[in-house]
Structure formats: C-alpha cells, structure tokens
Amino acid sequence: TLSKYGGYYFDLDIIHVRPVTYYRNFIATEDGNSASNSVIHSDYGYPLMQMAVNDFPANYRYIQLCV
C-alpha cells in the first residue's frame, strides 16, 4: 500500500510522544543498527519503496518450523 499510495505505517504497539508529520521518507530502527518495519513513511512514488517491493520476492526465504 505504501509503494502504491504513499503514507504512514505504524504497528499497533507504537506510542507517539511527538508528532512525526514533519519527517518524510523514513524507517525506524530497533536498536540504531538494524532496520525495522514497525514505523515507516513513504511519499507516493518514492523509489526506495519500489526497490523494496522488487527485492522482497527475489530474496524471501520461506522457513518451515516443525513444532
């Protein structure tokens, strides 16, 4: 949806302490070193989102867990 229309995405467990509408085209990090998908903003047509959409099927690894 973000790659097609742009906008904000927030996980339901995110608590905002300040407005984020000032920031554009960002992704949050969990620990400052690795990317997280819990908070994302992308403008319509932002090339990084299209790169992510193209990269996902090429690099997705299905792992079946045996319980």
Protein backbone atom coordinates (compact mmCIF):
# COMPACT_ATOMS: atom_id res chain seq x y z
CA THR A 1 0.00 0.00 0.00
CA LEU A 2 2.83 2.41 0.81
CA SER A 3 4.52 1.76 -2.53
CA LYS A 4 1.25 2.35 -4.38
CA TYR A 5 -0.20 5.31 -2.48
CA GLY A 6 2.43 6.55 -0.02
CA GLY A 7 1.68 7.42 3.59
CA TYR A 8 2.49 6.29 7.11
CA TYR A 9 2.57 2.84 8.65
CA PHE A 10 2.75 2.23 12.41
CA ASP A 11 2.50 -1.06 14.30
CA LEU A 12 -0.33 -1.06 16.81
CA ASP A 13 2.08 -1.19 19.75
CA ILE A 14 3.79 2.11 18.82
CA ILE A 15 3.24 5.04 21.17
CA HIS A 16 3.80 8.52 19.75
CA VAL A 17 5.27 11.07 22.13
CA ARG A 18 5.63 13.77 19.44
CA PRO A 19 4.10 14.38 16.03
CA VAL A 20 6.01 12.74 13.16
CA THR A 21 4.34 14.53 10.27
CA TYR A 22 7.37 16.81 9.92
CA TYR A 23 9.56 13.89 8.79
CA ARG A 24 9.44 12.41 5.28
CA ASN A 25 10.54 9.07 3.83
CA PHE A 26 11.86 7.29 6.89
CA ILE A 27 12.06 3.88 8.51
CA ALA A 28 12.56 3.26 12.21
CA THR A 29 15.31 1.21 13.82
CA GLU A 30 15.04 -1.08 16.79
CA ASP A 31 18.50 -0.54 18.23
CA GLY A 32 20.07 2.10 15.98
CA ASN A 33 21.91 -0.52 13.89
CA SER A 34 19.25 -2.53 12.08
CA ALA A 35 16.15 -1.50 10.18
CA SER A 36 12.68 -2.25 11.49
CA ASN A 37 9.32 -2.31 9.75
CA SER A 38 7.35 -1.02 12.75
CA VAL A 39 7.32 2.65 11.67
CA ILE A 40 7.58 3.73 8.03
CA HIS A 41 6.73 6.79 5.96
CA SER A 42 6.99 6.95 2.20
CA ASP A 43 5.85 9.62 -0.23
CA TYR A 44 3.92 8.47 -3.29
CA GLY A 45 6.38 7.23 -5.91
CA TYR A 46 9.39 7.19 -3.59
CA PRO A 47 11.95 4.93 -5.35
CA LEU A 48 13.12 3.15 -2.20
CA MET A 49 9.68 1.60 -1.68
CA GLN A 50 9.65 0.24 -5.23
CA MET A 51 13.13 -1.19 -4.66
CA ALA A 52 11.87 -2.96 -1.52
CA VAL A 53 8.86 -4.38 -3.40
CA ASN A 54 11.14 -5.69 -6.15
CA ASP A 55 13.70 -7.07 -3.67
CA PHE A 56 11.29 -9.00 -1.46
CA PRO A 57 10.31 -11.83 -3.85
CA ALA A 58 13.91 -12.20 -5.02
CA ASN A 59 15.32 -12.60 -1.50
CA TYR A 60 12.44 -14.08 0.51
CA ARG A 61 13.37 -17.29 2.31
CA TYR A 62 10.50 -19.49 3.45
CA ILE A 63 11.36 -21.29 6.65
CA GLN A 64 9.04 -24.04 7.78
CA LEU A 65 9.09 -24.57 11.51
CA CYS A 66 8.41 -28.05 12.78
CA VAL A 67 6.53 -27.97 16.07
